[in-house]
Amino acid sequence: MSSRSHRPSPLALVLLVLLAEQPMHPYRMRELIKERAKDRVANVAQRNSVYQTVERLDRVGLIRVRNTARDEGRPERTVYELTEAGSRTVVEWLRELLSTPATEFPAFPAALASMLIMEPAEVLACLRTRADTLERSLDESLAEVTGLPRIFGLEEEYAQAVGRAEVAWLRSVVKDFESGELTWTHDKLLSYAAGHSD
């Protein structure tokens, strides 16, 4: 697999980086992701996602089976290691991801673009809830990494900066809804759409 022909998923990237440290089995990979709080950047909520990603990385030659072991009283575990192609690819992916902004399509902007079918009061309530929930989540996440050397928490630092900016923006939009500056009626929307349908 060429690194240029495949944009990595966050999980694939994290798994390759773990295997660059040392060979290990998928269960250990998942546990390390959770222990190191990397589950904030790579979704491992479903155990199968790690196994499926490992199988895909193996299939395309970025990792390979090193050995299979069975500890007493435990199921057989397959230990994987990075291949030379995997070592090159993970560095290429990192260079690209760190240097090149990507066009991404998160769900929240799509919801903002589509919210006009709802009533303004309901949108206001949803945005208030989002701001409160996000602020609580950011506070909890910050508490979990406080005291760690900065290099181990740069992804959280980034998440905090982006998240705090979103909270500030949400609060300003909520304020504009509350003042009446930001509102709509379905009749006005239909009239606007009719006038701009050419």
Protein backbone atom coordinates (compact mmCIF):
# COMPACT_ATOMS: atom_id res chain seq x y z
CA MET A 1 0.00 0.00 0.00
CA SER A 2 1.35 3.39 -0.96
CA SER A 3 1.07 6.07 1.68
CA ARG A 4 -0.02 8.45 -1.08
CA SER A 5 -2.92 6.23 -2.10
CA HIS A 6 -4.31 5.89 1.39
CA ARG A 7 -5.04 8.57 3.95
CA PRO A 8 -4.70 7.03 7.39
CA SER A 9 -7.44 6.73 9.92
CA PRO A 10 -6.48 8.07 13.35
CA LEU A 11 -6.65 4.52 14.68
CA ALA A 12 -4.34 3.12 11.99
CA LEU A 13 -1.84 5.86 12.71
CA VAL A 14 -1.90 5.27 16.49
CA LEU A 15 -1.52 1.49 16.02
CA LEU A 16 1.49 1.89 13.75
CA VAL A 17 3.13 4.26 16.24
CA LEU A 18 2.57 1.73 19.04
CA LEU A 19 4.17 -1.00 16.94
CA ALA A 20 7.11 1.31 16.24
CA GLU A 21 7.76 1.12 20.01
CA GLN A 22 7.66 -2.67 20.16
CA PRO A 23 5.79 -5.70 18.80
CA MET A 24 2.53 -6.44 20.61
CA HIS A 25 -0.86 -8.08 20.29
CA PRO A 26 -4.08 -6.16 19.53
CA TYR A 27 -5.45 -6.45 23.05
CA ARG A 28 -2.31 -4.78 24.44
CA MET A 29 -2.54 -2.08 21.77
CA ARG A 30 -6.09 -1.24 22.83
CA GLU A 31 -5.15 -1.20 26.51
CA LEU A 32 -2.19 1.14 25.88
CA ILE A 33 -4.37 3.48 23.83
CA LYS A 34 -6.76 3.73 26.76
CA GLU A 35 -4.03 3.98 29.42
CA ARG A 36 -2.33 6.81 27.54
CA ALA A 37 -5.64 8.62 26.88
CA LYS A 38 -5.13 8.26 23.13
CA ASP A 39 -8.75 7.11 22.95
CA ARG A 40 -9.51 10.83 22.65
CA VAL A 41 -7.90 10.83 19.21
CA ALA A 42 -8.54 7.25 18.07
CA ASN A 43 -11.88 5.55 18.57
CA VAL A 44 -11.42 2.23 20.38
CA ALA A 45 -14.83 2.12 22.04
CA GLN A 46 -15.57 -1.04 20.04
CA ARG A 47 -12.91 -3.70 20.67
CA ASN A 48 -13.42 -5.02 17.15
CA SER A 49 -12.22 -1.75 15.62
CA VAL A 50 -8.64 -2.46 16.75
CA TYR A 51 -8.73 -6.03 15.42
CA GLN A 52 -10.24 -4.95 12.09
CA THR A 53 -7.66 -2.20 11.65
CA VAL A 54 -4.83 -4.60 12.55
CA GLU A 55 -6.13 -7.08 9.95
CA ARG A 56 -6.25 -4.33 7.31
CA LEU A 57 -2.72 -3.11 8.13
CA ASP A 58 -1.48 -6.71 7.94
CA ARG A 59 -3.28 -7.31 4.65
CA VAL A 60 -1.63 -4.28 3.01
CA GLY A 61 1.84 -5.14 4.33
CA LEU A 62 2.38 -2.36 6.87
CA ILE A 63 2.56 -4.86 9.74
CA ARG A 64 3.09 -8.63 9.94
CA VAL A 65 2.68 -11.46 12.40
CA ARG A 66 5.77 -11.88 14.53
CA ASN A 67 4.57 -14.86 16.54
CA THR A 68 1.61 -16.46 18.22
CA ALA A 69 1.68 -17.17 21.94
CA ARG A 70 -0.64 -18.73 24.46
CA ASP A 71 -0.32 -17.91 28.15
CA GLU A 72 -1.77 -20.42 30.57
CA GLY A 73 -5.49 -19.88 30.99
CA ARG A 74 -5.65 -17.29 28.21
CA PRO A 75 -6.65 -17.46 24.56
CA GLU A 76 -4.00 -17.58 21.87
CA ARG A 77 -2.61 -14.12 21.06
CA THR A 78 -1.03 -13.03 17.82
CA VAL A 79 1.83 -10.56 18.22
CA TYR A 80 2.36 -8.11 15.36
CA GLU A 81 5.37 -6.04 14.34
CA LEU A 82 5.95 -3.14 11.98
CA THR A 83 7.35 -3.95 8.53
CA GLU A 84 9.89 -1.75 6.75
CA ALA A 85 7.06 -0.43 4.59
CA GLY A 86 5.08 0.29 7.74
CA SER A 87 7.99 2.21 9.27
CA ARG A 88 8.34 4.37 6.15
CA THR A 89 4.59 4.85 5.79
CA VAL A 90 3.91 5.97 9.35
CA VAL A 91 6.59 8.68 9.06
CA GLU A 92 5.18 9.79 5.68
CA TRP A 93 1.67 9.95 7.16
CA LEU A 94 2.92 11.98 10.11
CA ARG A 95 4.76 14.42 7.85
CA GLU A 96 1.65 14.94 5.76
CA LEU A 97 -0.78 15.21 8.67
CA LEU A 98 1.43 17.58 10.67
CA SER A 99 2.18 19.90 7.73
CA THR A 100 -0.90 19.88 5.49
CA PRO A 101 -4.35 21.07 6.56
CA ALA A 102 -6.98 18.61 5.34
CA THR A 103 -10.52 19.23 4.23
CA GLU A 104 -12.61 17.39 6.78
CA PHE A 105 -16.34 17.05 7.04
CA PRO A 106 -17.35 16.98 10.71
CA ALA A 107 -21.02 16.54 11.59
CA PHE A 108 -21.55 19.75 13.59
CA PRO A 109 -21.12 22.18 10.64
CA ALA A 110 -23.49 20.00 8.63
CA ALA A 111 -26.05 20.34 11.44
CA LEU A 112 -25.55 24.13 11.51
CA ALA A 113 -26.14 24.24 7.76
CA SER A 114 -29.33 22.21 8.16
CA MET A 115 -30.86 23.62 11.37
CA LEU A 116 -33.29 25.98 9.64
CA ILE A 117 -35.98 23.27 9.50
CA MET A 118 -36.18 23.53 13.32
CA GLU A 119 -37.69 26.33 15.37
CA PRO A 120 -35.21 28.96 16.64
CA ALA A 121 -36.09 28.26 20.29
CA GLU A 122 -35.25 24.57 19.87
CA VAL A 123 -31.95 25.38 18.15
CA LEU A 124 -31.13 27.78 21.00
CA ALA A 125 -31.76 25.04 23.58
CA CYS A 126 -29.59 22.59 21.65
CA LEU A 127 -26.70 25.06 21.34
CA ARG A 128 -26.88 25.91 25.06
CA THR A 129 -26.73 22.20 25.87
CA ARG A 130 -23.79 21.70 23.50
CA ALA A 131 -21.84 24.60 25.03
CA ASP A 132 -22.44 23.37 28.59
CA THR A 133 -21.59 19.76 27.73
CA LEU A 134 -18.45 20.71 25.82
CA GLU A 135 -17.23 23.00 28.59
CA ARG A 136 -17.68 20.26 31.22
CA SER A 137 -15.91 17.73 29.00
CA LEU A 138 -12.99 20.09 28.40
CA ASP A 139 -12.64 20.73 32.14
CA GLU A 140 -12.61 16.98 32.86
CA SER A 141 -10.08 16.25 30.08
CA LEU A 142 -7.79 19.04 31.26
CA ALA A 143 -7.82 17.67 34.80
CA GLU A 144 -6.71 14.24 33.51
CA VAL A 145 -3.55 15.55 31.82
CA THR A 146 -2.56 18.19 34.35
CA GLY A 147 0.91 17.43 35.68
CA LEU A 148 2.11 15.46 32.65
CA PRO A 149 5.09 16.77 30.68
CA ARG A 150 3.75 19.00 27.89
CA ILE A 151 5.05 16.75 25.10
CA PHE A 152 2.65 13.98 26.20
CA GLY A 153 -0.37 16.25 26.11
CA LEU A 154 -0.02 18.29 22.93
CA GLU A 155 -3.09 16.66 21.40
CA GLU A 156 -5.07 17.63 24.50
CA GLU A 157 -3.64 21.15 24.37
CA TYR A 158 -4.86 21.38 20.77
CA ALA A 159 -8.26 19.94 21.72
CA GLN A 160 -8.53 22.48 24.54
CA ALA A 161 -7.70 25.41 22.24
CA VAL A 162 -10.21 24.29 19.60
CA GLY A 163 -12.83 23.33 22.17
CA ARG A 164 -12.55 26.57 24.17
CA ALA A 165 -12.84 28.57 20.93
CA GLU A 166 -15.98 26.60 20.06
CA VAL A 167 -17.48 27.23 23.51
CA ALA A 168 -16.81 30.98 23.18
CA TRP A 169 -18.39 30.97 19.72
CA LEU A 170 -21.40 28.97 20.93
CA ARG A 171 -21.93 31.38 23.84
CA SER A 172 -21.87 34.34 21.41
CA VAL A 173 -24.42 32.64 19.13
CA VAL A 174 -26.62 31.80 22.13
CA LYS A 175 -26.45 35.47 23.18
CA ASP A 176 -27.51 36.54 19.66
CA PHE A 177 -30.45 34.12 19.77
CA GLU A 178 -31.46 35.41 23.20
CA SER A 179 -31.34 39.06 22.05
CA GLY A 180 -33.43 38.27 18.98
CA GLU A 181 -30.63 39.33 16.63
CA LEU A 182 -30.43 35.78 15.27
CA THR A 183 -33.80 34.26 14.38
CA TRP A 184 -35.99 33.22 11.47
CA THR A 185 -39.49 32.24 10.52
CA HIS A 186 -40.34 29.59 8.01
CA ASP A 187 -42.33 32.10 5.93
CA LYS A 188 -39.30 34.40 5.65
CA LEU A 189 -37.08 31.44 4.74
CA LEU A 190 -39.48 30.34 2.01
CA SER A 191 -39.70 33.90 0.70
CA TYR A 192 -35.90 34.19 0.72
CA ALA A 193 -35.47 30.83 -1.02
CA ALA A 194 -38.02 31.80 -3.70
CA GLY A 195 -36.18 35.06 -4.39
CA HIS A 196 -32.81 33.26 -4.76
CA SER A 197 -33.89 30.22 -6.73
CA ASP A 198 -32.44 31.38 -10.05
